[in-house]
Amino acid sequence: MNERDFVGAFEACTIAAGDFHHADHVRLAWIYLREHRLIEAIERFTTSLQRFACHHGVPGLYHETITWAYLLLIHERMQRDAAPKDWDSFRRANPDLFDRKPSLLERYYAPGTLNSDLARRIFVLPDAAPGVDAARTTPSPRNCPI
């Protein structure tokens, strides 16, 4: 399916939930980031993904931190000087974006962070430093930077 048809089918929610996999998320993000400024791509991607999840009866699957983190990583990779300009080349040059287990995000986030309700609801900054847990509502003294 070409890019225009893929985006149209996703936004119209005509792709079956079982036919939209992690690699499809990455491809859609890449298309949005190629066509829009970063902030606009984040807005369009998150809105479309939430609508898609709701349409298929699984609104609880949407995860803000995972969504934004991947969008930011893909954007950064696209901005590199030698970044491939076409999808197939970009995919081949960035295989770690497609790994599910272990996930690329494990490099950036402490184990409990991505499982937290906070990270599901809002974008949480990376916290891979030992002893830091974004799900904590108050910092412990040893994690306090001041």
Foldseek 3Di string as FASTA:
>chain_A
DDPVVLVVCLQVLVQQPVRQDLVNLLVLLLVLVVVDPLVVSLVVSLVSVCVNCVVNPHNLVQFAQVSSVLSVVSNVLCPDPPQDPDDVSNCVVCVQSVDVVVHPCLVFADPCASVAPVRRVHHDGTDNPPPDHPNDPDDDVVPDPD
